[in-house]
Amino acid sequence: MTPDAFRRIALSFEDTVESAHMRHPDFRVGGRVFATLGYPDKSWGVVMLTPAQQKKCLDAAPDVFRPAAGAWGRKGSTRVYLRAATKPVLLPALESAWWNAALKRPGARPPLRGSRGAKHSSGKA
């Protein structure tokens, strides 16, 4: 996967904007970062997961996902090795990260049963 492919997938989620933090592109919903590119170098992306979500990703695709260093990694921040990533592997992780951020927005409500909320899940991407 290329950085541009990661970017396209991240931006396919509803209300997502690209910004930058610490000289790295990031992807936000409601002002909250759910993913970044280029850390620690251009071979990597990062998704902001919960520790339980991170464990599922590490178990399912250890060649793609690795915990970030230190406390960030212990809290769920997960690096994505872009060269090994595929859309079917990355998409659920990005979606989880998006929901983690989206549900922290003021006035956010949990999704309706069966609703995922992202543009790609309704076929619009």
N, C-alpha and C. Protein backbone atom coordinates (compact mmCIF):
# COMPACT_ATOMS: atom_id res chain seq x y z
N MET A 1 0.85 -1.18 0.00
CA MET A 1 0.00 0.00 0.00
C MET A 1 0.89 1.24 0.00
N THR A 2 0.47 2.23 -0.71
CA THR A 2 1.20 3.49 -0.76
C THR A 2 0.63 4.46 0.27
N PRO A 3 1.39 5.51 0.62
CA PRO A 3 0.82 6.54 1.49
C PRO A 3 -0.44 7.17 0.88
N ASP A 4 -0.46 7.34 -0.44
CA ASP A 4 -1.66 7.92 -1.07
C ASP A 4 -2.87 7.00 -0.95
N ALA A 5 -2.67 5.69 -1.02
CA ALA A 5 -3.78 4.75 -0.84
C ALA A 5 -4.29 4.82 0.60
N PHE A 6 -3.39 4.87 1.58
CA PHE A 6 -3.78 5.03 2.99
C PHE A 6 -4.60 6.31 3.13
N ARG A 7 -4.10 7.40 2.54
CA ARG A 7 -4.77 8.69 2.60
C ARG A 7 -6.19 8.60 2.02
N ARG A 8 -6.32 8.00 0.84
CA ARG A 8 -7.65 7.87 0.20
C ARG A 8 -8.63 7.11 1.10
N ILE A 9 -8.17 6.03 1.70
CA ILE A 9 -9.05 5.25 2.57
C ILE A 9 -9.45 6.09 3.79
N ALA A 10 -8.47 6.72 4.43
CA ALA A 10 -8.77 7.53 5.62
C ALA A 10 -9.76 8.65 5.28
N LEU A 11 -9.57 9.30 4.15
CA LEU A 11 -10.44 10.41 3.77
C LEU A 11 -11.82 9.95 3.29
N SER A 12 -12.01 8.65 3.09
CA SER A 12 -13.32 8.15 2.67
C SER A 12 -14.33 8.12 3.81
N PHE A 13 -13.87 8.29 5.04
CA PHE A 13 -14.77 8.28 6.18
C PHE A 13 -15.45 9.64 6.33
N GLU A 14 -16.70 9.59 6.70
CA GLU A 14 -17.54 10.78 6.83
C GLU A 14 -16.89 11.83 7.73
N ASP A 15 -16.96 13.09 7.29
CA ASP A 15 -16.49 14.25 8.06
C ASP A 15 -15.00 14.23 8.37
N THR A 16 -14.22 13.45 7.64
CA THR A 16 -12.78 13.39 7.87
C THR A 16 -12.09 14.54 7.14
N VAL A 17 -11.13 15.15 7.83
CA VAL A 17 -10.29 16.18 7.22
C VAL A 17 -8.83 15.80 7.43
N GLU A 18 -8.01 16.20 6.47
CA GLU A 18 -6.57 16.00 6.62
C GLU A 18 -5.98 17.28 7.17
N SER A 19 -5.09 17.11 8.13
CA SER A 19 -4.40 18.23 8.75
C SER A 19 -2.95 17.79 8.92
N ALA A 20 -2.24 18.41 9.83
CA ALA A 20 -0.86 18.01 10.10
C ALA A 20 -0.54 18.27 11.56
N HIS A 21 0.32 17.44 12.09
CA HIS A 21 0.77 17.56 13.47
C HIS A 21 2.20 17.03 13.52
N MET A 22 3.08 17.77 14.10
CA MET A 22 4.48 17.34 14.23
C MET A 22 5.07 16.97 12.87
N ARG A 23 4.74 17.76 11.85
CA ARG A 23 5.24 17.57 10.47
C ARG A 23 4.76 16.28 9.81
N HIS A 24 3.70 15.70 10.32
CA HIS A 24 3.15 14.48 9.74
C HIS A 24 1.69 14.74 9.36
N PRO A 25 1.26 14.26 8.19
CA PRO A 25 -0.17 14.37 7.86
C PRO A 25 -0.99 13.57 8.87
N ASP A 26 -2.12 14.12 9.27
CA ASP A 26 -3.02 13.36 10.12
C ASP A 26 -4.44 13.48 9.60
N PHE A 27 -5.28 12.60 10.11
CA PHE A 27 -6.68 12.52 9.68
C PHE A 27 -7.55 12.63 10.91
N ARG A 28 -8.52 13.56 10.84
CA ARG A 28 -9.31 13.91 12.01
C ARG A 28 -10.81 13.87 11.71
N VAL A 29 -11.55 13.56 12.73
CA VAL A 29 -13.00 13.70 12.69
C VAL A 29 -13.38 14.46 13.96
N GLY A 30 -14.15 15.52 13.80
CA GLY A 30 -14.51 16.34 14.95
C GLY A 30 -13.31 16.90 15.68
N GLY A 31 -12.22 17.17 14.96
CA GLY A 31 -11.02 17.71 15.58
C GLY A 31 -10.13 16.69 16.25
N ARG A 32 -10.53 15.43 16.25
CA ARG A 32 -9.76 14.38 16.93
C ARG A 32 -9.02 13.52 15.91
N VAL A 33 -7.75 13.32 16.15
CA VAL A 33 -6.91 12.52 15.26
C VAL A 33 -7.26 11.05 15.42
N PHE A 34 -7.47 10.37 14.28
CA PHE A 34 -7.67 8.93 14.33
C PHE A 34 -6.61 8.16 13.55
N ALA A 35 -5.81 8.87 12.73
CA ALA A 35 -4.75 8.22 11.98
C ALA A 35 -3.72 9.26 11.54
N THR A 36 -2.49 8.79 11.31
CA THR A 36 -1.43 9.65 10.80
C THR A 36 -0.62 8.90 9.77
N LEU A 37 0.17 9.63 9.02
CA LEU A 37 1.09 9.06 8.04
C LEU A 37 2.51 9.55 8.32
N GLY A 38 3.50 8.73 7.96
CA GLY A 38 4.88 9.19 8.00
C GLY A 38 5.58 9.13 9.33
N TYR A 39 5.09 8.32 10.25
CA TYR A 39 5.77 8.18 11.54
C TYR A 39 6.01 6.71 11.81
N PRO A 40 7.21 6.31 12.12
CA PRO A 40 8.42 7.11 12.31
C PRO A 40 9.09 7.53 11.01
N ASP A 41 8.69 6.94 9.88
CA ASP A 41 9.19 7.39 8.57
C ASP A 41 8.10 7.12 7.53
N LYS A 42 8.40 7.41 6.27
CA LYS A 42 7.37 7.33 5.23
C LYS A 42 6.86 5.92 4.94
N SER A 43 7.48 4.91 5.54
CA SER A 43 7.04 3.52 5.37
C SER A 43 5.87 3.16 6.27
N TRP A 44 5.47 4.07 7.14
CA TRP A 44 4.50 3.75 8.19
C TRP A 44 3.33 4.71 8.22
N GLY A 45 2.21 4.20 8.72
CA GLY A 45 1.06 4.98 9.12
C GLY A 45 0.78 4.61 10.57
N VAL A 46 -0.17 5.28 11.18
CA VAL A 46 -0.56 4.99 12.57
C VAL A 46 -2.07 5.08 12.65
N VAL A 47 -2.68 4.14 13.39
CA VAL A 47 -4.11 4.20 13.71
C VAL A 47 -4.26 4.23 15.22
N MET A 48 -5.20 5.04 15.69
CA MET A 48 -5.43 5.21 17.12
C MET A 48 -6.53 4.24 17.58
N LEU A 49 -6.11 3.13 18.11
CA LEU A 49 -7.03 2.08 18.54
C LEU A 49 -7.09 2.00 20.05
N THR A 50 -8.01 1.20 20.56
CA THR A 50 -8.00 0.84 21.97
C THR A 50 -7.03 -0.33 22.12
N PRO A 51 -6.57 -0.62 23.33
CA PRO A 51 -5.69 -1.79 23.49
C PRO A 51 -6.32 -3.10 23.00
N ALA A 52 -7.61 -3.28 23.21
CA ALA A 52 -8.28 -4.51 22.74
C ALA A 52 -8.31 -4.57 21.22
N GLN A 53 -8.61 -3.45 20.58
CA GLN A 53 -8.61 -3.41 19.12
C GLN A 53 -7.20 -3.65 18.58
N GLN A 54 -6.21 -3.07 19.25
CA GLN A 54 -4.82 -3.28 18.84
C GLN A 54 -4.45 -4.75 18.90
N LYS A 55 -4.84 -5.43 19.96
CA LYS A 55 -4.51 -6.84 20.11
C LYS A 55 -5.10 -7.66 18.95
N LYS A 56 -6.34 -7.36 18.58
CA LYS A 56 -6.96 -8.07 17.46
C LYS A 56 -6.17 -7.86 16.17
N CYS A 57 -5.75 -6.62 15.93
CA CYS A 57 -4.97 -6.33 14.72
C CYS A 57 -3.63 -7.04 14.75
N LEU A 58 -2.94 -7.01 15.89
CA LEU A 58 -1.63 -7.66 16.01
C LEU A 58 -1.76 -9.17 15.81
N ASP A 59 -2.81 -9.76 16.36
CA ASP A 59 -3.02 -11.19 16.21
C ASP A 59 -3.36 -11.56 14.76
N ALA A 60 -4.15 -10.73 14.11
CA ALA A 60 -4.62 -11.03 12.75
C ALA A 60 -3.55 -10.78 11.68
N ALA A 61 -2.73 -9.76 11.88
CA ALA A 61 -1.75 -9.38 10.84
C ALA A 61 -0.48 -8.81 11.47
N PRO A 62 0.32 -9.66 12.11
CA PRO A 62 1.53 -9.15 12.78
C PRO A 62 2.57 -8.58 11.82
N ASP A 63 2.48 -8.92 10.54
CA ASP A 63 3.40 -8.35 9.56
C ASP A 63 3.00 -6.92 9.17
N VAL A 64 1.76 -6.52 9.49
CA VAL A 64 1.25 -5.20 9.14
C VAL A 64 1.24 -4.27 10.34
N PHE A 65 0.79 -4.76 11.49
CA PHE A 65 0.56 -3.91 12.66
C PHE A 65 1.61 -4.14 13.74
N ARG A 66 2.02 -3.03 14.38
CA ARG A 66 2.94 -3.09 15.51
C ARG A 66 2.55 -1.98 16.49
N PRO A 67 2.68 -2.23 17.79
CA PRO A 67 2.37 -1.16 18.74
C PRO A 67 3.37 -0.01 18.57
N ALA A 68 2.90 1.21 18.75
CA ALA A 68 3.80 2.35 18.81
C ALA A 68 4.66 2.20 20.08
N ALA A 69 5.73 2.94 20.14
CA ALA A 69 6.64 2.84 21.29
C ALA A 69 6.03 3.43 22.55
N GLY A 70 6.42 2.89 23.67
CA GLY A 70 6.10 3.45 24.98
C GLY A 70 4.63 3.47 25.35
N ALA A 71 4.28 4.52 26.11
CA ALA A 71 2.92 4.64 26.63
C ALA A 71 1.88 4.77 25.52
N TRP A 72 2.24 5.42 24.41
CA TRP A 72 1.29 5.54 23.30
C TRP A 72 0.89 4.16 22.81
N GLY A 73 1.86 3.29 22.65
CA GLY A 73 1.57 1.93 22.19
C GLY A 73 0.75 1.14 23.19
N ARG A 74 1.05 1.32 24.47
CA ARG A 74 0.29 0.61 25.50
C ARG A 74 -1.16 1.08 25.56
N LYS A 75 -1.42 2.31 25.12
CA LYS A 75 -2.78 2.85 25.10
C LYS A 75 -3.52 2.53 23.80
N GLY A 76 -2.83 1.87 22.83
CA GLY A 76 -3.51 1.43 21.62
C GLY A 76 -3.01 2.04 20.32
N SER A 77 -2.13 3.03 20.41
CA SER A 77 -1.59 3.62 19.18
C SER A 77 -0.81 2.53 18.44
N THR A 78 -1.18 2.31 17.18
CA THR A 78 -0.69 1.15 16.44
C THR A 78 -0.10 1.58 15.10
N ARG A 79 1.16 1.20 14.88
CA ARG A 79 1.82 1.51 13.61
C ARG A 79 1.36 0.53 12.54
N VAL A 80 1.30 1.02 11.30
CA VAL A 80 0.88 0.22 10.14
C VAL A 80 2.04 0.23 9.14
N TYR A 81 2.60 -0.95 8.86
CA TYR A 81 3.67 -1.05 7.88
C TYR A 81 3.02 -1.05 6.50
N LEU A 82 3.16 0.05 5.79
CA LEU A 82 2.41 0.25 4.55
C LEU A 82 2.73 -0.79 3.48
N ARG A 83 3.97 -1.18 3.35
CA ARG A 83 4.33 -2.14 2.30
C ARG A 83 3.62 -3.48 2.47
N ALA A 84 3.30 -3.85 3.69
CA ALA A 84 2.64 -5.13 3.94
C ALA A 84 1.12 -5.00 4.02
N ALA A 85 0.62 -3.77 4.12
CA ALA A 85 -0.82 -3.55 4.31
C ALA A 85 -1.59 -3.70 3.00
N THR A 86 -2.81 -4.20 3.12
CA THR A 86 -3.76 -4.25 2.02
C THR A 86 -5.04 -3.58 2.49
N LYS A 87 -5.86 -3.17 1.56
CA LYS A 87 -7.11 -2.51 1.93
C LYS A 87 -7.98 -3.40 2.82
N PRO A 88 -8.16 -4.70 2.51
CA PRO A 88 -9.00 -5.52 3.39
C PRO A 88 -8.47 -5.64 4.82
N VAL A 89 -7.16 -5.54 4.99
CA VAL A 89 -6.57 -5.62 6.34
C VAL A 89 -6.65 -4.27 7.04
N LEU A 90 -6.35 -3.20 6.31
CA LEU A 90 -6.31 -1.87 6.91
C LEU A 90 -7.69 -1.28 7.20
N LEU A 91 -8.65 -1.51 6.33
CA LEU A 91 -9.96 -0.88 6.44
C LEU A 91 -10.62 -1.07 7.80
N PRO A 92 -10.69 -2.28 8.35
CA PRO A 92 -11.34 -2.42 9.67
C PRO A 92 -10.59 -1.66 10.78
N ALA A 93 -9.27 -1.60 10.70
CA ALA A 93 -8.50 -0.87 11.71
C ALA A 93 -8.77 0.63 11.61
N LEU A 94 -8.76 1.16 10.39
CA LEU A 94 -9.07 2.58 10.22
C LEU A 94 -10.49 2.90 10.64
N GLU A 95 -11.41 2.00 10.32
CA GLU A 95 -12.80 2.22 10.72
C GLU A 95 -12.94 2.26 12.24
N SER A 96 -12.29 1.34 12.92
CA SER A 96 -12.32 1.35 14.39
C SER A 96 -11.73 2.64 14.94
N ALA A 97 -10.60 3.06 14.39
CA ALA A 97 -9.97 4.30 14.84
C ALA A 97 -10.88 5.49 14.59
N TRP A 98 -11.54 5.52 13.42
CA TRP A 98 -12.47 6.61 13.10
C TRP A 98 -13.60 6.66 14.13
N TRP A 99 -14.20 5.49 14.42
CA TRP A 99 -15.30 5.47 15.40
C TRP A 99 -14.81 5.89 16.78
N ASN A 100 -13.62 5.47 17.17
CA ASN A 100 -13.08 5.87 18.47
C ASN A 100 -13.06 7.39 18.58
N ALA A 101 -12.62 8.06 17.54
CA ALA A 101 -12.56 9.53 17.54
C ALA A 101 -13.93 10.14 17.36
N ALA A 102 -14.73 9.59 16.45
CA ALA A 102 -16.04 10.18 16.14
C ALA A 102 -16.96 10.16 17.36
N LEU A 103 -16.90 9.12 18.15
CA LEU A 103 -17.79 9.02 19.31
C LEU A 103 -17.37 9.92 20.47
N LYS A 104 -16.21 10.54 20.37
CA LYS A 104 -15.76 11.49 21.39
C LYS A 104 -16.17 12.93 21.06
N ARG A 105 -16.77 13.13 19.89
CA ARG A 105 -17.21 14.47 19.50
C ARG A 105 -18.35 14.91 20.41
N PRO A 106 -18.44 16.23 20.70
CA PRO A 106 -19.58 16.71 21.46
C PRO A 106 -20.88 16.37 20.76
N GLY A 107 -21.82 15.81 21.49
CA GLY A 107 -23.12 15.46 20.94
C GLY A 107 -23.14 14.19 20.13
N ALA A 108 -22.02 13.49 20.08
CA ALA A 108 -21.96 12.25 19.29
C ALA A 108 -22.86 11.21 19.93
N ARG A 109 -23.44 10.39 19.07
CA ARG A 109 -24.29 9.30 19.54
C ARG A 109 -23.77 8.00 18.97
N PRO A 110 -23.95 6.91 19.71
CA PRO A 110 -23.54 5.61 19.16
C PRO A 110 -24.31 5.33 17.88
N PRO A 111 -23.73 4.56 16.96
CA PRO A 111 -24.41 4.27 15.71
C PRO A 111 -25.65 3.42 15.93
N LEU A 112 -26.57 3.51 14.99
CA LEU A 112 -27.72 2.62 15.01
C LEU A 112 -27.24 1.20 14.74
N ARG A 113 -27.94 0.24 15.21
CA ARG A 113 -27.55 -1.15 14.98
C ARG A 113 -27.40 -1.39 13.48
N GLY A 114 -26.24 -1.92 13.11
CA GLY A 114 -25.97 -2.22 11.71
C GLY A 114 -25.44 -1.04 10.91
N SER A 115 -25.39 0.16 11.50
CA SER A 115 -24.88 1.34 10.80
C SER A 115 -23.40 1.51 11.11
N ARG A 116 -22.60 1.76 10.08
CA ARG A 116 -21.17 1.98 10.30
C ARG A 116 -20.81 3.44 10.14
N GLY A 117 -21.61 4.22 9.42
CA GLY A 117 -21.39 5.65 9.35
C GLY A 117 -20.34 6.14 8.37
N ALA A 118 -19.46 5.30 7.91
CA ALA A 118 -18.43 5.74 6.99
C ALA A 118 -18.95 5.69 5.57
N LYS A 119 -18.45 6.60 4.74
CA LYS A 119 -18.91 6.67 3.36
C LYS A 119 -18.72 5.37 2.63
N HIS A 120 -17.58 4.72 2.83
CA HIS A 120 -17.30 3.51 2.08
C HIS A 120 -18.26 2.37 2.42
N SER A 121 -18.82 2.38 3.63
CA SER A 121 -19.70 1.27 4.00
C SER A 121 -21.06 1.36 3.30
N SER A 122 -21.40 2.52 2.79
CA SER A 122 -22.67 2.65 2.09
C SER A 122 -22.48 2.63 0.58
N GLY A 123 -21.24 2.40 0.16
CA GLY A 123 -20.96 2.30 -1.26
C GLY A 123 -20.71 3.62 -1.94
N LYS A 124 -20.52 4.71 -1.21
CA LYS A 124 -20.32 6.01 -1.80
C LYS A 124 -18.86 6.34 -2.10
N ALA A 125 -17.93 5.53 -1.65
CA ALA A 125 -16.51 5.88 -1.84
C ALA A 125 -15.96 5.40 -3.11
